[in-house]
Amino acid sequence: MYDRALKTMRQYHRLSQAEMADQIGISRSYLNEIERDKKEPSLDILRRYAERFEVPLSSLMLFAERSNELRFDKARIFVADKVLKMLEWIAEDEDLEVGKETSR
């Protein structure tokens, strides 16, 4: 679920993969692999995202894939999915608003 969360954060801030990769000090191809769920981001990469977007690292950890307690895992996944859907909706809504402004 990190793939979706990190990509949504980047898109929300209207950054290209190249810009984001440059800002956190990784290659664009590595970032692409993270966003396509081909590679798991390290704790250091998550820390860089947290610093770049000024959010607590613990907020990003919400999207961790595994938990030892199944009940918690299901709840975490449910909440994380809802948060992502809300952020994706906000980003889409802002894209529509920007489109309206440029067509005027």
N, C-alpha and C. Protein backbone atom coordinates (compact mmCIF):
# COMPACT_ATOMS: atom_id res chain seq x y z
N MET A 1 0.81 -1.19 0.00
CA MET A 1 0.00 0.00 0.00
C MET A 1 0.87 1.27 0.00
N TYR A 2 2.17 1.13 0.31
CA TYR A 2 3.05 2.29 0.24
C TYR A 2 3.05 2.88 -1.17
N ASP A 3 3.00 2.02 -2.17
CA ASP A 3 3.06 2.49 -3.55
C ASP A 3 1.98 3.53 -3.81
N ARG A 4 0.78 3.23 -3.45
CA ARG A 4 -0.35 4.12 -3.68
C ARG A 4 -0.24 5.39 -2.83
N ALA A 5 0.16 5.23 -1.58
CA ALA A 5 0.26 6.38 -0.67
C ALA A 5 1.34 7.36 -1.13
N LEU A 6 2.50 6.86 -1.47
CA LEU A 6 3.60 7.73 -1.86
C LEU A 6 3.32 8.41 -3.20
N LYS A 7 2.72 7.67 -4.11
CA LYS A 7 2.37 8.25 -5.41
C LYS A 7 1.31 9.33 -5.24
N THR A 8 0.32 9.08 -4.40
CA THR A 8 -0.75 10.06 -4.16
C THR A 8 -0.18 11.33 -3.53
N MET A 9 0.74 11.18 -2.58
CA MET A 9 1.36 12.36 -1.97
C MET A 9 2.10 13.18 -3.02
N ARG A 10 2.85 12.51 -3.87
CA ARG A 10 3.61 13.20 -4.91
C ARG A 10 2.66 13.92 -5.87
N GLN A 11 1.63 13.22 -6.32
CA GLN A 11 0.70 13.82 -7.27
C GLN A 11 -0.08 14.97 -6.64
N TYR A 12 -0.46 14.83 -5.39
CA TYR A 12 -1.19 15.88 -4.70
C TYR A 12 -0.38 17.18 -4.70
N HIS A 13 0.92 17.06 -4.57
CA HIS A 13 1.81 18.23 -4.55
C HIS A 13 2.29 18.59 -5.95
N ARG A 14 1.70 17.95 -6.95
CA ARG A 14 1.98 18.24 -8.36
C ARG A 14 3.47 18.15 -8.72
N LEU A 15 4.08 17.09 -8.24
CA LEU A 15 5.48 16.83 -8.55
C LEU A 15 5.58 15.69 -9.54
N SER A 16 6.48 15.81 -10.49
CA SER A 16 6.76 14.69 -11.39
C SER A 16 7.61 13.68 -10.64
N GLN A 17 7.72 12.49 -11.19
CA GLN A 17 8.59 11.50 -10.56
C GLN A 17 10.02 12.00 -10.52
N ALA A 18 10.46 12.66 -11.59
CA ALA A 18 11.84 13.17 -11.63
C ALA A 18 12.07 14.22 -10.54
N GLU A 19 11.11 15.13 -10.37
CA GLU A 19 11.24 16.16 -9.33
C GLU A 19 11.27 15.54 -7.94
N MET A 20 10.36 14.59 -7.70
CA MET A 20 10.29 13.94 -6.39
C MET A 20 11.58 13.17 -6.10
N ALA A 21 12.02 12.41 -7.08
CA ALA A 21 13.25 11.62 -6.91
C ALA A 21 14.43 12.52 -6.58
N ASP A 22 14.52 13.64 -7.28
CA ASP A 22 15.60 14.60 -7.04
C ASP A 22 15.52 15.17 -5.63
N GLN A 23 14.31 15.49 -5.19
CA GLN A 23 14.13 16.11 -3.88
C GLN A 23 14.45 15.17 -2.72
N ILE A 24 14.26 13.86 -2.93
CA ILE A 24 14.56 12.93 -1.83
C ILE A 24 15.84 12.14 -2.07
N GLY A 25 16.52 12.44 -3.16
CA GLY A 25 17.84 11.88 -3.40
C GLY A 25 17.88 10.42 -3.85
N ILE A 26 16.92 10.04 -4.70
CA ILE A 26 16.95 8.69 -5.28
C ILE A 26 16.76 8.82 -6.79
N SER A 27 16.98 7.74 -7.50
CA SER A 27 16.80 7.79 -8.96
C SER A 27 15.32 7.73 -9.31
N ARG A 28 14.98 8.31 -10.46
CA ARG A 28 13.59 8.29 -10.91
C ARG A 28 13.14 6.86 -11.15
N SER A 29 14.03 6.01 -11.65
CA SER A 29 13.65 4.61 -11.92
C SER A 29 13.34 3.87 -10.62
N TYR A 30 14.09 4.16 -9.56
CA TYR A 30 13.82 3.54 -8.26
C TYR A 30 12.47 4.02 -7.71
N LEU A 31 12.21 5.32 -7.84
CA LEU A 31 10.92 5.85 -7.41
C LEU A 31 9.79 5.21 -8.20
N ASN A 32 9.99 5.04 -9.49
CA ASN A 32 8.97 4.40 -10.33
C ASN A 32 8.69 2.97 -9.85
N GLU A 33 9.73 2.25 -9.49
CA GLU A 33 9.55 0.88 -8.99
C GLU A 33 8.80 0.86 -7.67
N ILE A 34 9.06 1.84 -6.81
CA ILE A 34 8.33 1.94 -5.54
C ILE A 34 6.86 2.21 -5.82
N GLU A 35 6.59 3.15 -6.71
CA GLU A 35 5.20 3.53 -7.01
C GLU A 35 4.44 2.43 -7.76
N ARG A 36 5.13 1.53 -8.40
CA ARG A 36 4.47 0.41 -9.09
C ARG A 36 4.49 -0.85 -8.23
N ASP A 37 4.87 -0.72 -6.97
CA ASP A 37 4.92 -1.83 -6.00
C ASP A 37 5.88 -2.93 -6.42
N LYS A 38 6.93 -2.55 -7.12
CA LYS A 38 7.97 -3.51 -7.51
C LYS A 38 9.08 -3.56 -6.46
N LYS A 39 9.22 -2.47 -5.71
CA LYS A 39 10.22 -2.39 -4.63
C LYS A 39 9.55 -1.81 -3.40
N GLU A 40 9.99 -2.27 -2.25
CA GLU A 40 9.49 -1.78 -0.96
C GLU A 40 10.39 -0.63 -0.51
N PRO A 41 9.81 0.52 -0.14
CA PRO A 41 10.67 1.62 0.31
C PRO A 41 11.31 1.30 1.66
N SER A 42 12.55 1.70 1.80
CA SER A 42 13.24 1.51 3.07
C SER A 42 12.73 2.52 4.09
N LEU A 43 13.05 2.31 5.33
CA LEU A 43 12.69 3.25 6.38
C LEU A 43 13.33 4.62 6.09
N ASP A 44 14.53 4.61 5.56
CA ASP A 44 15.21 5.86 5.21
C ASP A 44 14.44 6.62 4.13
N ILE A 45 13.93 5.93 3.13
CA ILE A 45 13.14 6.57 2.07
C ILE A 45 11.86 7.14 2.67
N LEU A 46 11.20 6.40 3.53
CA LEU A 46 9.99 6.90 4.17
C LEU A 46 10.29 8.13 5.02
N ARG A 47 11.43 8.13 5.68
CA ARG A 47 11.84 9.30 6.49
C ARG A 47 12.03 10.51 5.58
N ARG A 48 12.63 10.30 4.41
CA ARG A 48 12.83 11.40 3.47
C ARG A 48 11.49 11.97 2.99
N TYR A 49 10.54 11.09 2.71
CA TYR A 49 9.20 11.55 2.34
C TYR A 49 8.59 12.35 3.47
N ALA A 50 8.67 11.83 4.68
CA ALA A 50 8.09 12.51 5.84
C ALA A 50 8.70 13.91 6.01
N GLU A 51 10.00 14.01 5.85
CA GLU A 51 10.66 15.31 5.97
C GLU A 51 10.25 16.24 4.83
N ARG A 52 10.20 15.72 3.63
CA ARG A 52 9.86 16.54 2.46
C ARG A 52 8.45 17.12 2.57
N PHE A 53 7.50 16.30 3.02
CA PHE A 53 6.11 16.74 3.09
C PHE A 53 5.71 17.21 4.50
N GLU A 54 6.69 17.24 5.39
CA GLU A 54 6.47 17.71 6.76
C GLU A 54 5.30 16.99 7.43
N VAL A 55 5.36 15.66 7.38
CA VAL A 55 4.37 14.82 8.07
C VAL A 55 5.13 13.88 9.00
N PRO A 56 4.49 13.44 10.06
CA PRO A 56 5.16 12.48 10.95
C PRO A 56 5.42 11.17 10.22
N LEU A 57 6.58 10.58 10.47
CA LEU A 57 6.90 9.28 9.89
C LEU A 57 5.84 8.26 10.28
N SER A 58 5.30 8.38 11.48
CA SER A 58 4.26 7.44 11.93
C SER A 58 3.03 7.48 11.03
N SER A 59 2.74 8.63 10.43
CA SER A 59 1.62 8.72 9.49
C SER A 59 1.86 7.86 8.26
N LEU A 60 3.09 7.85 7.79
CA LEU A 60 3.42 7.00 6.64
C LEU A 60 3.42 5.53 7.01
N MET A 61 3.76 5.25 8.26
CA MET A 61 3.79 3.86 8.71
C MET A 61 2.40 3.23 8.74
N LEU A 62 1.37 4.07 8.72
CA LEU A 62 -0.02 3.58 8.64
C LEU A 62 -0.19 2.66 7.44
N PHE A 63 0.60 2.90 6.41
CA PHE A 63 0.46 2.14 5.17
C PHE A 63 1.34 0.90 5.12
N ALA A 64 1.94 0.53 6.26
CA ALA A 64 2.77 -0.68 6.31
C ALA A 64 1.94 -1.89 5.92
N GLU A 65 2.55 -2.83 5.23
CA GLU A 65 1.82 -3.97 4.68
C GLU A 65 1.53 -5.09 5.68
N ARG A 66 2.30 -5.21 6.73
CA ARG A 66 2.11 -6.36 7.62
C ARG A 66 1.94 -5.93 9.07
N SER A 67 1.21 -6.75 9.78
CA SER A 67 1.02 -6.56 11.22
C SER A 67 0.91 -7.93 11.85
N ASN A 68 1.32 -8.05 13.10
CA ASN A 68 1.24 -9.34 13.78
C ASN A 68 -0.18 -9.65 14.24
N GLU A 69 -0.98 -8.63 14.44
CA GLU A 69 -2.33 -8.84 14.93
C GLU A 69 -3.32 -8.67 13.78
N LEU A 70 -3.98 -9.73 13.39
CA LEU A 70 -4.86 -9.74 12.23
C LEU A 70 -5.97 -8.71 12.33
N ARG A 71 -6.60 -8.59 13.49
CA ARG A 71 -7.69 -7.61 13.66
C ARG A 71 -7.19 -6.21 13.38
N PHE A 72 -6.04 -5.87 13.94
CA PHE A 72 -5.45 -4.56 13.72
C PHE A 72 -5.12 -4.37 12.25
N ASP A 73 -4.60 -5.42 11.63
CA ASP A 73 -4.20 -5.34 10.23
C ASP A 73 -5.40 -5.01 9.35
N LYS A 74 -6.53 -5.67 9.57
CA LYS A 74 -7.73 -5.39 8.77
C LYS A 74 -8.21 -3.97 8.98
N ALA A 75 -8.20 -3.52 10.21
CA ALA A 75 -8.64 -2.16 10.51
C ALA A 75 -7.69 -1.14 9.88
N ARG A 76 -6.40 -1.38 9.99
CA ARG A 76 -5.40 -0.48 9.43
C ARG A 76 -5.56 -0.38 7.92
N ILE A 77 -5.73 -1.51 7.27
CA ILE A 77 -5.89 -1.52 5.82
C ILE A 77 -7.17 -0.78 5.41
N PHE A 78 -8.26 -0.98 6.15
CA PHE A 78 -9.51 -0.29 5.88
C PHE A 78 -9.32 1.22 6.00
N VAL A 79 -8.73 1.67 7.10
CA VAL A 79 -8.52 3.10 7.32
C VAL A 79 -7.57 3.68 6.28
N ALA A 80 -6.47 2.98 6.02
CA ALA A 80 -5.49 3.46 5.04
C ALA A 80 -6.13 3.60 3.67
N ASP A 81 -6.96 2.65 3.28
CA ASP A 81 -7.63 2.71 1.99
C ASP A 81 -8.57 3.91 1.93
N LYS A 82 -9.30 4.17 3.00
CA LYS A 82 -10.22 5.32 3.03
C LYS A 82 -9.45 6.63 2.95
N VAL A 83 -8.33 6.72 3.66
CA VAL A 83 -7.51 7.93 3.62
C VAL A 83 -7.01 8.16 2.20
N LEU A 84 -6.51 7.10 1.56
CA LEU A 84 -6.02 7.24 0.19
C LEU A 84 -7.12 7.63 -0.78
N LYS A 85 -8.28 7.04 -0.65
CA LYS A 85 -9.39 7.41 -1.53
C LYS A 85 -9.75 8.88 -1.37
N MET A 86 -9.73 9.37 -0.13
CA MET A 86 -10.04 10.77 0.12
C MET A 86 -8.97 11.67 -0.52
N LEU A 87 -7.71 11.33 -0.35
CA LEU A 87 -6.63 12.13 -0.94
C LEU A 87 -6.69 12.10 -2.47
N GLU A 88 -6.97 10.92 -3.03
CA GLU A 88 -7.08 10.81 -4.48
C GLU A 88 -8.24 11.66 -4.98
N TRP A 89 -9.35 11.66 -4.26
CA TRP A 89 -10.51 12.47 -4.63
C TRP A 89 -10.17 13.96 -4.58
N ILE A 90 -9.46 14.38 -3.53
CA ILE A 90 -9.06 15.79 -3.41
C ILE A 90 -8.15 16.17 -4.57
N ALA A 91 -7.18 15.32 -4.88
CA ALA A 91 -6.24 15.61 -5.97
C ALA A 91 -6.99 15.70 -7.30
N GLU A 92 -7.94 14.80 -7.55
CA GLU A 92 -8.72 14.84 -8.78
C GLU A 92 -9.56 16.10 -8.85
N ASP A 93 -10.17 16.48 -7.73
CA ASP A 93 -11.00 17.68 -7.67
C ASP A 93 -10.17 18.92 -7.96
N GLU A 94 -8.96 18.98 -7.42
CA GLU A 94 -8.08 20.12 -7.68
C GLU A 94 -7.65 20.16 -9.13
N ASP A 95 -7.40 18.98 -9.74
CA ASP A 95 -7.06 18.92 -11.16
C ASP A 95 -8.20 19.49 -12.00
N LEU A 96 -9.45 19.17 -11.64
CA LEU A 96 -10.61 19.70 -12.35
C LEU A 96 -10.69 21.21 -12.21
N GLU A 97 -10.44 21.73 -11.01
CA GLU A 97 -10.49 23.17 -10.77
C GLU A 97 -9.40 23.89 -11.58
N VAL A 98 -8.21 23.33 -11.63
CA VAL A 98 -7.13 23.92 -12.40
C VAL A 98 -7.50 23.93 -13.88
N GLY A 99 -8.10 22.86 -14.35
CA GLY A 99 -8.55 22.77 -15.73
C GLY A 99 -9.58 23.83 -16.07
N LYS A 100 -10.50 24.08 -15.16
CA LYS A 100 -11.52 25.11 -15.36
C LYS A 100 -10.89 26.49 -15.47
N GLU A 101 -9.91 26.76 -14.60
CA GLU A 101 -9.26 28.07 -14.58
C GLU A 101 -8.47 28.33 -15.86
N THR A 102 -7.82 27.31 -16.38
CA THR A 102 -7.01 27.49 -17.59
C THR A 102 -7.87 27.60 -18.84
N SER A 103 -9.10 27.11 -18.79
CA SER A 103 -9.96 27.17 -19.96
C SER A 103 -10.74 28.48 -20.04
N ARG A 104 -10.64 29.32 -19.00
CA ARG A 104 -11.37 30.59 -18.98
C ARG A 104 -10.66 31.65 -19.78
